[in-house]
Structure formats: C-alpha cells, structure tokens
C-alpha atoms as a PDB file:
ATOM      1  CA  MET A   1      94.911  81.913  75.455  1.00  0.00           C
ATOM      2  CA  ASN A   2      96.870  81.253  72.277  1.00  0.00           C
ATOM      3  CA  ILE A   3     100.609  80.730  72.809  1.00  0.00           C
ATOM      4  CA  HIS A   4     103.117  81.415  70.042  1.00  0.00           C
ATOM      5  CA  THR A   5     106.750  80.413  70.594  1.00  0.00           C
ATOM      6  CA  GLN A   6     108.292  81.621  67.335  1.00  0.00           C
ATOM      7  CA  LEU A   7     107.880  84.944  65.595  1.00  0.00           C
ATOM      8  CA  ALA A   8     107.720  83.197  62.233  1.00  0.00           C
ATOM      9  CA  ALA A   9     104.700  81.212  63.440  1.00  0.00           C
ATOM     10  CA  TYR A  10     102.809  84.282  64.634  1.00  0.00           C
ATOM     11  CA  PRO A  11      99.710  84.577  62.416  1.00  0.00           C
ATOM     12  CA  ILE A  12      99.226  87.772  60.461  1.00  0.00           C
ATOM     13  CA  PRO A  13      96.484  89.655  62.321  1.00  0.00           C
ATOM     14  CA  HIS A  14      93.435  90.996  60.521  1.00  0.00           C
ATOM     15  CA  THR A  15      92.213  93.095  63.460  1.00  0.00           C
ATOM     16  CA  PRO A  16      93.957  95.673  65.672  1.00  0.00           C
ATOM     17  CA  VAL A  17      96.636  94.302  68.024  1.00  0.00           C
ATOM     18  CA  VAL A  18      97.096  95.922  71.421  1.00  0.00           C
ATOM     19  CA  ALA A  19     100.291  94.626  73.026  1.00  0.00           C
ATOM     20  CA  THR A  20     102.414  94.862  76.140  1.00  0.00           C
ATOM     21  CA  ILE A  21     106.032  93.704  76.398  1.00  0.00           C
ATOM     22  CA  GLY A  22     107.914  92.432  79.428  1.00  0.00           C
ATOM     23  CA  ASN A  23     109.500  89.598  81.337  1.00  0.00           C
ATOM     24  CA  PHE A  24     106.386  89.379  83.538  1.00  0.00           C
ATOM     25  CA  ASP A  25     108.244  87.466  86.237  1.00  0.00           C
ATOM     26  CA  GLY A  26     105.673  86.886  88.951  1.00  0.00           C
ATOM     27  CA  VAL A  27     102.777  88.313  86.870  1.00  0.00           C
ATOM     28  CA  HIS A  28     102.295  90.674  89.825  1.00  0.00           C
ATOM     29  CA  LEU A  29      99.732  93.402  90.465  1.00  0.00           C
ATOM     30  CA  GLY A  30     101.663  95.903  88.351  1.00  0.00           C
ATOM     31  CA  HIS A  31     101.694  93.533  85.375  1.00  0.00           C
ATOM     32  CA  GLN A  32      98.040  92.702  85.939  1.00  0.00           C
ATOM     33  CA  SER A  33      97.050  96.386  85.909  1.00  0.00           C
ATOM     34  CA  VAL A  34      98.671  97.055  82.531  1.00  0.00           C
ATOM     35  CA  ILE A  35      97.359  93.808  81.057  1.00  0.00           C
ATOM     36  CA  ALA A  36      93.818  94.717  82.148  1.00  0.00           C
ATOM     37  CA  GLU A  37      94.138  98.012  80.269  1.00  0.00           C
ATOM     38  CA  VAL A  38      95.456  96.165  77.202  1.00  0.00           C
ATOM     39  CA  ILE A  39      92.503  93.773  77.279  1.00  0.00           C
ATOM     40  CA  ASP A  40      89.973  96.585  77.664  1.00  0.00           C
ATOM     41  CA  ARG A  41      91.528  98.604  74.848  1.00  0.00           C
ATOM     42  CA  ALA A  42      91.647  95.593  72.501  1.00  0.00           C
ATOM     43  CA  ARG A  43      87.971  94.897  73.154  1.00  0.00           C
ATOM     44  CA  PHE A  44      87.107  98.528  72.496  1.00  0.00           C
ATOM     45  CA  LEU A  45      88.932  98.382  69.146  1.00  0.00           C
ATOM     46  CA  GLY A  46      87.498  94.981  68.268  1.00  0.00           C
ATOM     47  CA  GLY A  47      90.996  93.495  68.151  1.00  0.00           C
ATOM     48  CA  GLN A  48      93.369  91.156  69.945  1.00  0.00           C
ATOM     49  CA  SER A  49      95.241  91.636  73.211  1.00  0.00           C
ATOM     50  CA  LEU A  50      98.803  90.319  73.231  1.00  0.00           C
ATOM     51  CA  ALA A  51     101.568  89.855  75.799  1.00  0.00           C
ATOM     52  CA  ILE A  52     105.117  89.638  74.420  1.00  0.00           C
ATOM     53  CA  THR A  53     107.678  87.983  76.663  1.00  0.00           C
ATOM     54  CA  PHE A  54     111.103  86.324  76.385  1.00  0.00           C
ATOM     55  CA  ASP A  55     112.703  82.963  77.055  1.00  0.00           C
ATOM     56  CA  PRO A  56     115.189  82.565  78.570  1.00  0.00           C
ATOM     57  CA  HIS A  57     114.909  85.551  80.890  1.00  0.00           C
ATOM     58  CA  PRO A  58     117.254  88.216  79.418  1.00  0.00           C
ATOM     59  CA  ALA A  59     119.149  88.520  82.713  1.00  0.00           C
ATOM     60  CA  ARG A  60     120.329  84.920  82.311  1.00  0.00           C
ATOM     61  CA  VAL A  61     121.782  85.726  78.895  1.00  0.00           C
ATOM     62  CA  LEU A  62     123.214  89.135  79.730  1.00  0.00           C
ATOM     63  CA  ARG A  63     124.659  88.144  83.130  1.00  0.00           C
ATOM     64  CA  PRO A  64     125.207  84.379  82.995  1.00  0.00           C
ATOM     65  CA  ASP A  65     127.647  84.469  85.927  1.00  0.00           C
ATOM     66  CA  GLN A  66     124.998  85.879  88.271  1.00  0.00           C
ATOM     67  CA  PRO A  67     122.200  83.659  89.586  1.00  0.00           C
ATOM     68  CA  HIS A  68     118.722  84.874  88.679  1.00  0.00           C
ATOM     69  CA  PRO A  69     116.111  82.496  90.118  1.00  0.00           C
ATOM     70  CA  LEU A  70     112.641  83.170  88.781  1.00  0.00           C
ATOM     71  CA  ILE A  71     109.469  83.844  90.733  1.00  0.00           C
ATOM     72  CA  THR A  72     107.522  82.123  87.967  1.00  0.00           C
ATOM     73  CA  PRO A  73     109.263  79.817  85.470  1.00  0.00           C
ATOM     74  CA  LEU A  74     107.856  79.951  81.947  1.00  0.00           C
ATOM     75  CA  PRO A  75     105.082  77.292  82.277  1.00  0.00           C
ATOM     76  CA  GLN A  76     103.755  78.922  85.452  1.00  0.00           C
ATOM     77  CA  LYS A  77     104.064  82.390  83.923  1.00  0.00           C
ATOM     78  CA  LEU A  78     102.038  81.332  80.892  1.00  0.00           C
ATOM     79  CA  GLU A  79      99.382  79.846  83.160  1.00  0.00           C
ATOM     80  CA  LEU A  80      99.130  83.099  85.109  1.00  0.00           C
ATOM     81  CA  LEU A  81      99.031  85.197  81.938  1.00  0.00           C
ATOM     82  CA  ALA A  82      96.204  83.028  80.639  1.00  0.00           C
ATOM     83  CA  ALA A  83      94.314  83.654  83.896  1.00  0.00           C
ATOM     84  CA  THR A  84      94.316  87.415  83.186  1.00  0.00           C
ATOM     85  CA  GLY A  85      92.099  86.853  80.173  1.00  0.00           C
ATOM     86  CA  ILE A  86      94.598  88.078  77.593  1.00  0.00           C
ATOM     87  CA  ASP A  87      94.002  86.671  74.120  1.00  0.00           C
ATOM     88  CA  ALA A  88      97.525  85.563  73.228  1.00  0.00           C
ATOM     89  CA  THR A  89     101.131  85.449  74.383  1.00  0.00           C
ATOM     90  CA  LEU A  90     104.150  85.542  72.092  1.00  0.00           C
ATOM     91  CA  VAL A  91     107.289  84.020  73.622  1.00  0.00           C
ATOM     92  CA  LEU A  92     110.315  85.418  71.788  1.00  0.00           C
ATOM     93  CA  PRO A  93     113.517  83.359  72.105  1.00  0.00           C
ATOM     94  CA  PHE A  94     116.084  85.741  73.596  1.00  0.00           C
ATOM     95  CA  THR A  95     118.794  84.995  71.061  1.00  0.00           C
ATOM     96  CA  ASP A  96     122.061  86.794  70.425  1.00  0.00           C
ATOM     97  CA  GLU A  97     120.443  88.401  67.395  1.00  0.00           C
ATOM     98  CA  LEU A  98     117.562  89.759  69.455  1.00  0.00           C
ATOM     99  CA  ARG A  99     119.963  90.890  72.171  1.00  0.00           C
ATOM    100  CA  HIS A 100     121.884  93.083  69.710  1.00  0.00           C
ATOM    101  CA  MET A 101     118.811  94.533  67.990  1.00  0.00           C
ATOM    102  CA  SER A 102     118.480  98.304  68.334  1.00  0.00           C
ATOM    103  CA  SER A 103     115.359  99.821  69.791  1.00  0.00           C
ATOM    104  CA  HIS A 104     114.302 101.212  66.422  1.00  0.00           C
ATOM    105  CA  ASP A 105     114.877  97.889  64.642  1.00  0.00           C
ATOM    106  CA  PHE A 106     112.930  96.013  67.321  1.00  0.00           C
ATOM    107  CA  ALA A 107     110.005  98.407  66.986  1.00  0.00           C
ATOM    108  CA  ARG A 108     110.055  98.388  63.181  1.00  0.00           C
ATOM    109  CA  ASP A 109     110.860  94.739  62.429  1.00  0.00           C
ATOM    110  CA  ILE A 110     109.029  92.993  65.244  1.00  0.00           C
ATOM    111  CA  LEU A 111     106.329  95.269  66.601  1.00  0.00           C
ATOM    112  CA  LEU A 112     105.261  96.847  63.324  1.00  0.00           C
ATOM    113  CA  ASN A 113     106.184  94.532  60.464  1.00  0.00           C
ATOM    114  CA  ALA A 114     105.776  91.116  62.119  1.00  0.00           C
ATOM    115  CA  ILE A 115     103.109  91.718  64.766  1.00  0.00           C
ATOM    116  CA  ARG A 116     101.495  94.815  63.197  1.00  0.00           C
ATOM    117  CA  VAL A 117     100.675  96.408  66.508  1.00  0.00           C
ATOM    118  CA  THR A 118      98.099  99.140  66.742  1.00  0.00           C
ATOM    119  CA  GLU A 119      99.081 100.158  70.276  1.00  0.00           C
ATOM    120  CA  VAL A 120     101.767  99.239  72.815  1.00  0.00           C
ATOM    121  CA  HIS A 121     101.118  99.698  76.540  1.00  0.00           C
ATOM    122  CA  GLU A 122     104.074  99.828  78.957  1.00  0.00           C
ATOM    123  CA  GLY A 123     105.145 100.910  82.409  1.00  0.00           C
ATOM    124  CA  GLU A 124     107.201 104.088  82.510  1.00  0.00           C
ATOM    125  CA  ASN A 125     110.331 102.142  83.560  1.00  0.00           C
ATOM    126  CA  PHE A 126     110.292  99.908  80.476  1.00  0.00           C
ATOM    127  CA  ARG A 127     113.572  99.783  78.550  1.00  0.00           C
ATOM    128  CA  PHE A 128     114.454  97.951  75.351  1.00  0.00           C
ATOM    129  CA  GLY A 129     116.984  97.708  72.546  1.00  0.00           C
ATOM    130  CA  TYR A 130     120.656  96.856  72.657  1.00  0.00           C
ATOM    131  CA  GLN A 131     122.070  97.427  76.148  1.00  0.00           C
ATOM    132  CA  ALA A 132     118.660  98.789  77.188  1.00  0.00           C
ATOM    133  CA  GLU A 133     119.423 101.881  75.137  1.00  0.00           C
ATOM    134  CA  ALA A 134     115.884 103.260  75.001  1.00  0.00           C
ATOM    135  CA  GLY A 135     113.078 103.908  77.426  1.00  0.00           C
ATOM    136  CA  MET A 136     109.637 105.374  76.947  1.00  0.00           C
ATOM    137  CA  ASP A 137     110.543 109.051  76.519  1.00  0.00           C
ATOM    138  CA  GLY A 138     113.084 111.038  74.538  1.00  0.00           C
ATOM    139  CA  PRO A 139     113.865 111.129  70.814  1.00  0.00           C
ATOM    140  CA  ASN A 140     114.785 107.415  70.758  1.00  0.00           C
ATOM    141  CA  GLY A 141     112.074 106.327  73.199  1.00  0.00           C
ATOM    142  CA  LEU A 142     109.205 104.040  72.373  1.00  0.00           C
ATOM    143  CA  ALA A 143     106.665 106.885  72.302  1.00  0.00           C
ATOM    144  CA  SER A 144     108.648 108.775  69.648  1.00  0.00           C
ATOM    145  CA  ILE A 145     109.388 105.645  67.629  1.00  0.00           C
ATOM    146  CA  GLY A 146     105.739 104.631  67.746  1.00  0.00           C
ATOM    147  CA  GLN A 147     104.653 108.047  66.529  1.00  0.00           C
ATOM    148  CA  ALA A 148     107.105 107.855  63.642  1.00  0.00           C
ATOM    149  CA  LEU A 149     106.085 104.313  62.688  1.00  0.00           C
ATOM    150  CA  GLY A 150     102.371 104.826  63.128  1.00  0.00           C
ATOM    151  CA  PHE A 151     101.368 102.938  66.270  1.00  0.00           C
ATOM    152  CA  GLY A 152     100.138 104.340  69.564  1.00  0.00           C
ATOM    153  CA  VAL A 153     101.957 104.100  72.888  1.00  0.00           C
ATOM    154  CA  ALA A 154     100.367 104.270  76.353  1.00  0.00           C
ATOM    155  CA  VAL A 155     102.596 104.782  79.411  1.00  0.00           C
ATOM    156  CA  TYR A 156     101.717 103.817  82.992  1.00  0.00           C
ATOM    157  CA  ALA A 157     103.196 104.865  86.308  1.00  0.00           C
ATOM    158  CA  PRO A 158     104.301 102.007  88.616  1.00  0.00           C
ATOM    159  CA  ARG A 159     101.539 100.382  90.633  1.00  0.00           C
ATOM    160  CA  ILE A 160     101.833 101.596  94.232  1.00  0.00           C
ATOM    161  CA  VAL A 161     100.580  99.547  97.172  1.00  0.00           C
ATOM    162  CA  ARG A 162     100.518 101.699 100.315  1.00  0.00           C
ATOM    163  CA  GLY A 163     103.562 103.661  99.337  1.00  0.00           C
ATOM    164  CA  ALA A 164     105.612 100.799  97.860  1.00  0.00           C
ATOM    165  CA  PRO A 165     106.093 100.298  94.102  1.00  0.00           C
ATOM    166  CA  VAL A 166     105.260  96.843  92.849  1.00  0.00           C
ATOM    167  CA  SER A 167     108.191  95.242  91.007  1.00  0.00           C
ATOM    168  CA  SER A 168     109.561  91.785  90.338  1.00  0.00           C
ATOM    169  CA  SER A 169     112.882  92.646  91.975  1.00  0.00           C
ATOM    170  CA  ARG A 170     111.096  93.825  95.130  1.00  0.00           C
ATOM    171  CA  ILE A 171     108.996  90.677  95.287  1.00  0.00           C
ATOM    172  CA  ARG A 172     112.053  88.507  94.678  1.00  0.00           C
ATOM    173  CA  SER A 173     113.815  90.097  97.642  1.00  0.00           C
ATOM    174  CA  LEU A 174     110.798  89.649  99.906  1.00  0.00           C
ATOM    175  CA  ILE A 175     110.423  85.974  99.030  1.00  0.00           C
ATOM    176  CA  ALA A 176     114.128  85.357  99.552  1.00  0.00           C
ATOM    177  CA  ALA A 177     113.776  86.951 103.015  1.00  0.00           C
ATOM    178  CA  GLY A 178     110.758  84.805 103.902  1.00  0.00           C
ATOM    179  CA  ALA A 179     108.375  87.789 103.948  1.00  0.00           C
ATOM    180  CA  LEU A 180     105.541  85.958 102.234  1.00  0.00           C
ATOM    181  CA  SER A 181     102.509  87.288 104.086  1.00  0.00           C
ATOM    182  CA  ASN A 182     101.593  90.138 106.402  1.00  0.00           C
ATOM    183  CA  ASP A 183     102.337  88.187 109.575  1.00  0.00           C
ATOM    184  CA  SER A 184     105.825  87.274 108.333  1.00  0.00           C
ATOM    185  CA  ALA A 185     106.855  90.693 106.995  1.00  0.00           C
ATOM    186  CA  PRO A 186     109.876  92.294 108.696  1.00  0.00           C
ATOM    187  CA  SER A 187     108.694  94.404 111.633  1.00  0.00           C
ATOM    188  CA  HIS A 188     110.603  97.465 110.389  1.00  0.00           C
ATOM    189  CA  ASP A 189     108.841  97.368 107.040  1.00  0.00           C
ATOM    190  CA  SER A 190     105.436  98.619 105.970  1.00  0.00           C
ATOM    191  CA  ALA A 191     102.332  96.624 106.785  1.00  0.00           C
ATOM    192  CA  LEU A 192     101.946  95.445 103.216  1.00  0.00           C
ATOM    193  CA  SER A 193     105.610  94.919 102.375  1.00  0.00           C
ATOM    194  CA  HIS A 194     105.302  91.225 101.735  1.00  0.00           C
ATOM    195  CA  ALA A 195     105.157  89.108  98.627  1.00  0.00           C
ATOM    196  CA  ARG A 196     101.506  88.131  98.828  1.00  0.00           C
ATOM    197  CA  ALA A 197     100.346  91.764  98.804  1.00  0.00           C
ATOM    198  CA  LEU A 198     102.425  92.599  95.734  1.00  0.00           C
ATOM    199  CA  LEU A 199     101.701  89.393  93.816  1.00  0.00           C
ATOM    200  CA  GLY A 200      97.988  89.541  94.538  1.00  0.00           C
ATOM    201  CA  ARG A 201      98.082  85.867  95.575  1.00  0.00           C
ATOM    202  CA  PRO A 202     100.193  83.541  97.740  1.00  0.00           C
ATOM    203  CA  PHE A 203     103.620  82.583  96.393  1.00  0.00           C
ATOM    204  CA  ALA A 204     103.667  79.059  94.949  1.00  0.00           C
ATOM    205  CA  ILE A 205     106.121  76.754  93.227  1.00  0.00           C
ATOM    206  CA  GLU A 206     105.528  73.811  90.906  1.00  0.00           C
ATOM    207  CA  SER A 207     107.605  70.662  90.962  1.00  0.00           C
ATOM    208  CA  THR A 208     107.410  66.876  91.180  1.00  0.00           C
ATOM    209  CA  PRO A 209     108.224  64.383  93.952  1.00  0.00           C
ATOM    210  CA  ALA A 210     111.902  63.781  94.679  1.00  0.00           C
ATOM    211  CA  PRO A 211     113.220  60.740  92.808  1.00  0.00           C
ATOM    212  CA  GLY A 212     114.251  57.546  94.527  1.00  0.00           C
ATOM    213  CA  ARG A 213     111.642  57.656  97.291  1.00  0.00           C
ATOM    214  CA  GLY A 214     109.915  54.398  96.430  1.00  0.00           C
ATOM    215  CA  TYR A 215     106.630  55.822  95.183  1.00  0.00           C
ATOM    216  CA  GLY A 216     104.168  53.089  94.328  1.00  0.00           C
ATOM    217  CA  ALA A 217     100.660  52.858  92.997  1.00  0.00           C
ATOM    218  CA  LYS A 218      99.434  54.070  96.390  1.00  0.00           C
ATOM    219  CA  TYR A 219     101.640  56.355  98.464  1.00  0.00           C
ATOM    220  CA  ALA A 220     100.902  55.876 102.158  1.00  0.00           C
ATOM    221  CA  VAL A 221     103.437  58.147 103.918  1.00  0.00           C
ATOM    222  CA  PRO A 222     102.233  61.670 104.857  1.00  0.00           C
ATOM    223  CA  THR A 223     105.574  63.348 103.992  1.00  0.00           C
ATOM    224  CA  ILE A 224     106.551  64.292 100.439  1.00  0.00           C
ATOM    225  CA  ASN A 225     109.907  65.730  99.384  1.00  0.00           C
ATOM    226  CA  LEU A 226     109.985  67.892  96.282  1.00  0.00           C
ATOM    227  CA  ALA A 227     112.486  67.258  93.518  1.00  0.00           C
ATOM    228  CA  PRO A 228     115.425  69.708  93.407  1.00  0.00           C
ATOM    229  CA  TYR A 229     113.975  73.082  92.443  1.00  0.00           C
ATOM    230  CA  PRO A 230     116.269  75.495  90.548  1.00  0.00           C
ATOM    231  CA  GLU A 231     114.151  78.628  90.837  1.00  0.00           C
ATOM    232  CA  LEU A 232     113.284  81.004  93.669  1.00  0.00           C
ATOM    233  CA  LEU A 233     112.559  79.515  97.087  1.00  0.00           C
ATOM    234  CA  PRO A 234     111.704  81.336 100.318  1.00  0.00           C
ATOM    235  CA  ALA A 235     114.254  81.709 103.099  1.00  0.00           C
ATOM    236  CA  HIS A 236     115.100  78.582 105.055  1.00  0.00           C
ATOM    237  CA  GLY A 237     112.438  77.920 107.634  1.00  0.00           C
ATOM    238  CA  VAL A 238     109.120  76.239 108.391  1.00  0.00           C
ATOM    239  CA  TYR A 239     105.925  77.353 106.629  1.00  0.00           C
ATOM    240  CA  ILE A 240     102.201  76.683 106.664  1.00  0.00           C
ATOM    241  CA  THR A 241     101.411  75.539 103.137  1.00  0.00           C
ATOM    242  CA  THR A 242      99.002  73.696 100.913  1.00  0.00           C
ATOM    243  CA  LEU A 243     100.168  70.942  98.572  1.00  0.00           C
ATOM    244  CA  THR A 244      98.208  70.227  95.422  1.00  0.00           C
ATOM    245  CA  VAL A 245      98.866  66.755  94.057  1.00  0.00           C
ATOM    246  CA  GLY A 246      98.101  66.056  90.417  1.00  0.00           C
ATOM    247  CA  ALA A 247      96.614  68.290  87.742  1.00  0.00           C
ATOM    248  CA  GLY A 248      93.238  68.970  86.235  1.00  0.00           C
ATOM    249  CA  PRO A 249      89.939  67.739  87.682  1.00  0.00           C
ATOM    250  CA  ALA A 250      91.666  64.867  89.514  1.00  0.00           C
ATOM    251  CA  ALA A 251      93.995  67.190  91.463  1.00  0.00           C
ATOM    252  CA  GLU A 252      93.639  67.199  95.236  1.00  0.00           C
ATOM    253  CA  THR A 253      94.828  69.911  97.619  1.00  0.00           C
ATOM    254  CA  PHE A 254      96.052  69.021 101.108  1.00  0.00           C
ATOM    255  CA  GLU A 255      96.824  71.166 104.130  1.00  0.00           C
ATOM    256  CA  SER A 256     100.518  70.863 104.979  1.00  0.00           C
ATOM    257  CA  VAL A 257     103.542  72.078 106.928  1.00  0.00           C
ATOM    258  CA  THR A 258     106.728  72.527 104.912  1.00  0.00           C
ATOM    259  CA  ASN A 259     110.382  72.768 105.899  1.00  0.00           C
ATOM    260  CA  VAL A 260     112.699  74.543 103.479  1.00  0.00           C
ATOM    261  CA  GLY A 261     116.338  74.103 104.408  1.00  0.00           C
ATOM    262  CA  ASN A 262     119.284  71.952 105.330  1.00  0.00           C
ATOM    263  CA  ARG A 263     117.735  70.052 108.251  1.00  0.00           C
ATOM    264  CA  PRO A 264     120.667  70.938 110.546  1.00  0.00           C
ATOM    265  CA  THR A 265     119.743  68.340 113.157  1.00  0.00           C
ATOM    266  CA  PHE A 266     120.748  65.660 110.636  1.00  0.00           C
ATOM    267  CA  GLY A 267     124.009  67.268 109.548  1.00  0.00           C
ATOM    268  CA  SER A 268     125.141  69.077 106.416  1.00  0.00           C
ATOM    269  CA  ASP A 269     124.307  68.428 102.776  1.00  0.00           C
ATOM    270  CA  SER A 270     120.714  67.492 103.457  1.00  0.00           C
ATOM    271  CA  PHE A 271     118.805  70.356 101.807  1.00  0.00           C
ATOM    272  CA  ALA A 272     115.184  69.535 101.111  1.00  0.00           C
ATOM    273  CA  VAL A 273     111.768  71.037 100.559  1.00  0.00           C
ATOM    274  CA  GLU A 274     109.790  68.598 102.685  1.00  0.00           C
ATOM    275  CA  SER A 275     106.027  68.797 103.212  1.00  0.00           C
ATOM    276  CA  HIS A 276     104.117  66.983 105.939  1.00  0.00           C
ATOM    277  CA  ILE A 277     100.468  66.553 104.931  1.00  0.00           C
ATOM    278  CA  LEU A 278      98.016  67.164 107.776  1.00  0.00           C
ATOM    279  CA  ASN A 279      94.820  65.734 106.294  1.00  0.00           C
ATOM    280  CA  PHE A 280      96.559  62.874 104.525  1.00  0.00           C
ATOM    281  CA  HIS A 281      95.096  59.775 102.962  1.00  0.00           C
ATOM    282  CA  PRO A 282      96.841  57.326 100.585  1.00  0.00           C
ATOM    283  CA  ILE A 283      97.196  58.866  97.126  1.00  0.00           C
ATOM    284  CA  GLU A 284      98.309  57.990  93.632  1.00  0.00           C
ATOM    285  CA  LEU A 285     101.869  59.294  93.276  1.00  0.00           C
ATOM    286  CA  THR A 286     104.780  58.737  90.929  1.00  0.00           C
ATOM    287  CA  GLU A 287     107.989  60.659  90.299  1.00  0.00           C
ATOM    288  CA  ARG A 288     106.187  62.481  87.458  1.00  0.00           C
ATOM    289  CA  THR A 289     103.114  63.590  89.420  1.00  0.00           C
ATOM    290  CA  PRO A 290     102.728  67.398  89.264  1.00  0.00           C
ATOM    291  CA  LEU A 291     102.921  69.155  92.633  1.00  0.00           C
ATOM    292  CA  ARG A 292     102.021  72.733  93.479  1.00  0.00           C
ATOM    293  CA  LEU A 293     103.261  73.987  96.851  1.00  0.00           C
ATOM    294  CA  THR A 294     101.607  77.206  98.048  1.00  0.00           C
ATOM    295  CA  PHE A 295     103.200  79.136 100.917  1.00  0.00           C
ATOM    296  CA  LEU A 296     100.662  80.727 103.264  1.00  0.00           C
ATOM    297  CA  ARG A 297     102.539  81.750 106.420  1.00  0.00           C
ATOM    298  CA  ARG A 298     106.028  81.531 107.878  1.00  0.00           C
ATOM    299  CA  LEU A 299     106.095  79.739 111.243  1.00  0.00           C
ATOM    300  CA  ARG A 300     109.730  79.976 112.314  1.00  0.00           C
ATOM    301  CA  ASP A 301     113.375  80.021 111.321  1.00  0.00           C
ATOM    302  CA  GLU A 302     115.292  76.825 110.724  1.00  0.00           C
ATOM    303  CA  ARG A 303     117.449  75.866 113.684  1.00  0.00           C
ATOM    304  CA  PRO A 304     119.327  72.806 114.959  1.00  0.00           C
ATOM    305  CA  PHE A 305     118.027  70.749 117.881  1.00  0.00           C
ATOM    306  CA  PRO A 306     120.297  68.931 120.359  1.00  0.00           C
ATOM    307  CA  THR A 307     118.330  65.691 119.978  1.00  0.00           C
ATOM    308  CA  VAL A 308     116.032  64.051 117.470  1.00  0.00           C
ATOM    309  CA  GLN A 309     113.345  64.009 120.169  1.00  0.00           C
ATOM    310  CA  GLY A 310     113.675  67.781 120.505  1.00  0.00           C
ATOM    311  CA  LEU A 311     113.074  68.102 116.787  1.00  0.00           C
ATOM    312  CA  ARG A 312     110.026  65.816 117.010  1.00  0.00           C
ATOM    313  CA  ASP A 313     108.574  67.921 119.826  1.00  0.00           C
ATOM    314  CA  GLN A 314     109.023  71.095 117.772  1.00  0.00           C
ATOM    315  CA  ILE A 315     107.436  69.468 114.725  1.00  0.00           C
ATOM    316  CA  ALA A 316     104.447  68.561 116.883  1.00  0.00           C
ATOM    317  CA  ARG A 317     104.134  72.220 117.918  1.00  0.00           C
ATOM    318  CA  ASP A 318     104.419  73.323 114.278  1.00  0.00           C
ATOM    319  CA  ILE A 319     101.632  70.924 113.318  1.00  0.00           C
ATOM    320  CA  THR A 320      99.410  72.163 116.152  1.00  0.00           C
ATOM    321  CA  ARG A 321      99.857  75.801 115.069  1.00  0.00           C
ATOM    322  CA  SER A 322      99.168  74.872 111.456  1.00  0.00           C
ATOM    323  CA  ARG A 323      95.986  73.022 112.320  1.00  0.00           C
ATOM    324  CA  ARG A 324      94.776  76.058 114.270  1.00  0.00           C
ATOM    325  CA  TYR A 325      95.551  78.261 111.248  1.00  0.00           C
ATOM    326  CA  PHE A 326      93.514  76.089 108.891  1.00  0.00           C
ATOM    327  CA  THR A 327      90.667  75.774 111.399  1.00  0.00           C
ATOM    328  CA  LEU A 328      90.465  79.566 111.582  1.00  0.00           C
ATOM    329  CA  CYS A 329      90.572  79.817 107.786  1.00  0.00           C
ATOM    330  CA  HIS A 330      87.655  77.371 107.509  1.00  0.00           C
ATOM    331  CA  LEU A 331      85.653  79.310 110.101  1.00  0.00           C
ATOM    332  CA  LEU A 332      86.264  82.617 108.315  1.00  0.00           C
ATOM    333  CA  THR A 333      85.302  81.078 104.979  1.00  0.00           C
ATOM    334  CA  ALA A 334      82.114  79.608 106.435  1.00  0.00           C
ATOM    335  CA  HIS A 335      81.044  83.014 107.795  1.00  0.00           C
ATOM    336  CA  SER A 336      81.991  85.088 104.754  1.00  0.00           C
END
C-alpha cells in the first residue's frame, strides 16, 4: 500500500480513483465492508482504490478538553488498512484550515481537483465540512455535490452484526468495559456484543517495554511491563493474552496472562500493563523492542488481596486457567 502524508505530494492519477473517507478508528467490519467495495470497483474500472483519513483524529482538535483514546493509533491503523488490500492511503493533516473548509470546498478542492476522484463510497452516517454541516443526502450532501461536480457517490447502510450496528464508538465502549470476547460480554447484552465480533479480530495494542527495567542483551524474567500507553485500554482486570516480541520475521509470539490496573495489593499509584509469559525462554529485549499485546479473554476483575501470598495464589489460578485455554485452542486448531 502506498502512503501519502501530504496532499501536495499526492501524485496526479492517470487512471480512475475510487475513494472512501473516514477516521477508520479500529478498521472494523463496517470499514472493511466499504473498503472491499471500493477495491472491487477500482479493479472493475482499471483504477486505484484509495482511503482518505486524518491525523490527528478530528475529535482531538474539535474537543481538546475531552479525552479521546484511539482503538488504533495511526501506525496500527495504516497497517490494518494495508491488510485490506487497498492500493493507497492519503493521510490529511487535520489543520485549522481543513477544519473550517466547507463541504463544497472540500469536495471541489480536495476530492475533485487534487485527487481527481471518479467515485466516493461512504456509509450513510458520513458527515463532512465545517461543523459537520453536510451528510450524504440533501441539496448540500455529498451525493448532490458529486453529481454537480461530476463524480459518482455510493452510499452504504451500517454493517449490522446480529442486530447491532458496527461503529467505532460502540467498539470503544465495549473495550473500555472489558467486553472483548463472547465469554466476557455483559450478560444483559446480545451474544455478539463484544469488541472482537465487531472488529473482526481480537483487540490488540502496540507498545514497547517500560523504561528503567534493566533490560540486557538477554532478558531472563518472564514478566514484561509495557511502557505507558496513551490510547485505549480495556477495563482494569486480568486477561488471557498473547505477547508478540519484536517485528518482522524475527518476531516471536508468547502465550501470556496480563494484568491491566493499579495493582491494589501494592497500594496506589502503581498502574501497569504487566504480562506474565507462560511459555517463556530468554529473549533479546531492549526498551525499543516492539511489543504487540493481543487480548483474547477476560479472566476476572482487579481486586485487592489481604496478603501478598493471597495474590500469589490467585495468580497461580489465573495461570492454570490460561494454560487450559491455550491447550484447548491448540487442540481445536489441530482438529480443524
């Protein structure tokens, strides 16, 4: 996938451009459905498929006083967009100038004159222009503007998974509540009201080891703390996870149990994302080593223990349950 980070650097296309615009936070099943249509249409026309996104996320510019942790920070989002098979992504800096651009000016100056789109494909809830003034329909909507300017517009209903619309805000709420998989979804909710079902994959974060832990050429302790992570994390608790250490062909994935929280047994101000590796062996690790932590199942809430020994006993039970989980996964994989 080609990545363009400035509109001025976007090459003038010589074939049809079929585009979709959005924040694509999470690159969830709804995003994936529209992108698949964009790719198919571009191939049919013999042109290029393009995703147009923004950095920083517009919510952080428009509402700077309100926290807006991301499901997928930009590097992870670009990686997931590339995995869809789309030809290119244009990352538009969400500047004050872009923020104040009217819907018509955005369509004319950016979509038509700069990108030269042939078609734009969007979900029916898409809004754009200054103060989100325009949607898809109506005299100032994208469909009408596209007709006037000479490019096509395709509109899609929200992706529905067993009665629930797929959206980034919905997924964000589920992750924040710890509802990451079917077995950890709230009992009052639908059977597929959990993040994994709406993302189409397990929720994962990317980070590095916490600084100041004495990492050497060979790291021989089976517990790794992640560096402070500013984006979305699941609710405090203990999770079955996998931890991928490194990147590229040399990366290695370990089975792990992860605590997200304040470790109340040890007092306040001790927040950590701490992973205990089950199938550990000494590894190469520095403070710059890439880590990918994938959350598979929620085991329990975080809670204080009256003694350190009580905590150790509970950790042993968590490890036993996690080993059983991975054993079952291996058996199912072997018989599939």
